[in-house]
Structures are given as C-alpha cells and as structure tokens.
Amino acid sequence: MKNKGLYGFILMLVISVSVPVWAWEHRIVLPAAYNRPSCVVNEDSSVSFCYCGQGRRVKVLGDFQYSGKDSTRYSDMRTRKITMQRESDGCFHATTKPLVPETYTYCFRVNGKRKTDTHNNDSAWQMTRKWSIVSVGGTPQADLYLQPQLKGQLIQTKWYDRAEGINRRVNIYLPAAYDEIGNSQSANRQFPVLYLLHGINGYEGSWTERGRAIQIIENLIASDSIAPLIVVMPDCNTGAHEDRPSHHTLWNNVWHYPRLCRDHSLELALADLMEYIDTTYCVSDRRAIAGFSSGARIAANIVNRYPDKFRAVGLFSPVVYRKQMPQNKSSVINQKSQIAYHIYMGSSDMFINNGRRFHKRLIKKGMDHFYKEDEGGHTWRNWRIDLTDWLKRLDDI
C-alpha cells in the first residue's frame, strides 16, 4: 500500500508539472498577434524578428556574423543563434545588432525544431532546407537586392533534354519591355539573351532566390545601366527529373561528377534549351552565358562547343581546368567579334588557383580578357557582386 501511495504521489507530481508545460507550449495565440510583421529592417540597419506561434523556447538562426570582410572558404551559411524573449503581446521578439548592408538568410528554432518564417514569402532552398531571406539596404550594391514588386515576368517551364530523355525545369525572365511587343516572333524588336547557370549545389531557382538576379537586373534596367534582356536560368543537375525536387541533388551530382565531365550531357542539354528559346521567344543573336563554381565550368565548355553562339562568358569562382581552355585562338572567334572572357575570384576562395591558372593560360594564348580578384570566398555574397559588375561590362551584347 505504501508503494501504491508513493507511485500515486509521483504520478500526480508528473501530471502537475507536465500539464502546465504542455498547455503553455500548445497555447492558443490571439489572431491579432499574427498581424505583426515577422521581420522588420530598422533605421540603424538592425533587424527585428517576431514569432507568434506556439512554443516555449524560441531562437532565430541566421548568417548575421557577416562583417563586410568574408573570409569563409566555401559557404556563407555561418549561422548565429539569438534567443528570442516573450513580451507582453504573447509573442517572441529579438533584434540583431546593426548589420552590414547585404542579403541574409534565417529561420526559427522552436523547442529545438527548425521552422521557416511562414509570414515571409522571400525564401531560398539550400539543399533540402528552406531559408527565409531579409535584405538590408544602405549601399548602392545592397540596394540592388531590394525590390518590392516584379516589373517583368518570371516564367517557370520545362524543356526536353534529348540526351537524357527527360524534361528539365527552367526559369525564364522576360523584361517589362517584352510585354510592349507581345510574344509574337514577328515583332520588330528582339532581345539579347543571358544564360545563368548554377553550381553543383544549386537548382533552377538558385539565381532568383539567393542570387537576387531578377532584383539586380530590374534595378539596373530602371537606372539605364543595362538594356532590357531575357534571362534563362536552367536546371543543370545530373539527377534532373520533372517529378523530383531538383534542389535535393547535391550528392547525386557529386556521385555522377566524373560522368558529367566525361560525356558532356549537360552541354548537349543546353543546346536543346537554346533551340527552344530561339524558337519560342523574340530573341536576337546576341547571347551571353555565365555560371558560378561548377556552373562556370559548364559555361566554359558551352562556349568551346558552340563558339559562334555567344559574345561573352562570365566565370564566377570557376572550377575550371585545362580542358575548359579554348583549344586555339580561332575557336573563340565568331562572325562578329572575339568572345569576351570575364573571370571573377574571391581572395579566399577554395578554387582560387583554378581561376589564376585559367587567367595565366589566357594570357599565354594572347587572348584579351578581364580578370578580377576581390575579398571573399566561394559565396553568394561574391557572386551577386560579380553578376552586377559583369552585366555593366556587357555593353556590346
């Protein structure tokens, strides 16, 4: 009997402790609390976060450690945890220190479980994880990442890859000026085309999400820094399939990397894509192509394989080797002019020696080109800046 009494006492104690905790974690939040913005950029460039969902311990995780001198050698996802405090409105709040003008990614951690900000539509995939995005302006470059509303049109569609026998996804940006002439092939005005390729850890949405390519391009068009152009951002993954998320394919790409380098299946797929673009949209013969990391290697291969198709190539943190070099000077001459090579490297990039060797080989071949090293590593922070600078240099496309 004594044991039964003891067990009963322990059971009542557990219930008395756990029920209030359960009730607190699963409490009903007043609907009015959800009307509060979940992410606000303050005048001093700090960012205030608000979480009004259920929870007991809430933190915000983000790459808020960036100080303007990025020394990371591969990823800019160096997250920092900030504990959020419950305030009188029943919601959890936290504010960062003043941040360097840039684009940041973040998520919430509620009771140890990761959650994206469901009240923020600006987000990006990083492999199998989704991150919310907040941009802090304040410099001419960072202000390019800010844009409240899309002026042009972003089309998400597919094209048929004959080499692999699959449908591949592609995002196509049409500038606002394109609507003025309609979608007719007989229209008098034709637009130059820019092909943007992602890296081994990306997918067709990488340039629009983390790369801020559309914001950058639309703001440059609005300031008359560049002419309106069509942008094509394809899926360049070896595991591409119309029924599978293409942002989950990092390890598949790594596993098939030797085959990808050997049979040039992606280069053949992009040839099919160019044919699709040429027959579907009002495009001129003025083409340029760019990519970062392994996407830059594919871009260099494409230019070598189809030298008469492109006027310029941008290689951002390129993973390039001798095989990506133009075989001879005549192979990079098209009917109008020599292809313009532009190479961008971060001073702490893990592949900086690849870029430097490529630069020296172009010099040895007597090829005029542009080469630039800047601070930073193998990161989106660099590639956004590289894209901006490269676009401004494409006066002749």
Foldseek 3Di string as FASTA:
>chain_A
DVVVVVVVVVVVVVCVPVVVVVCQQQPDADPVLVVDDQWDQDPLQKIKGKAQHGADWKKKKKLQPDDPFAQDAAESGPIDIDTWDQDPNRITMDIDDRGDFAKMWMWMQGPNRTGEDPNAPQWDDFAPDITHMDGGDDDPLSVLLDDDDQQWDKDWDWFAQPLVRAIWIKIKTFHNVQPVQPFDLPGPDAFEEEEEEEALQAFQCCCVRLVSVRSNVNVCCVVVLFPGHMYMRIGQAPPGHPVDPSNNCNVVCVVCVVVCVPPVSSLSRVVRVVVVPVVGGRHDLEYEYEYEECRLLNQLVNCLVCLQRYQEYEYEPYPHDPVSANPAQVSNAYPPGGREYEYEAAPNHPSVVVRVVNVVVCVVRVHDYHYDYHHHYRYSRRVSVSVSVVSSVPPPD
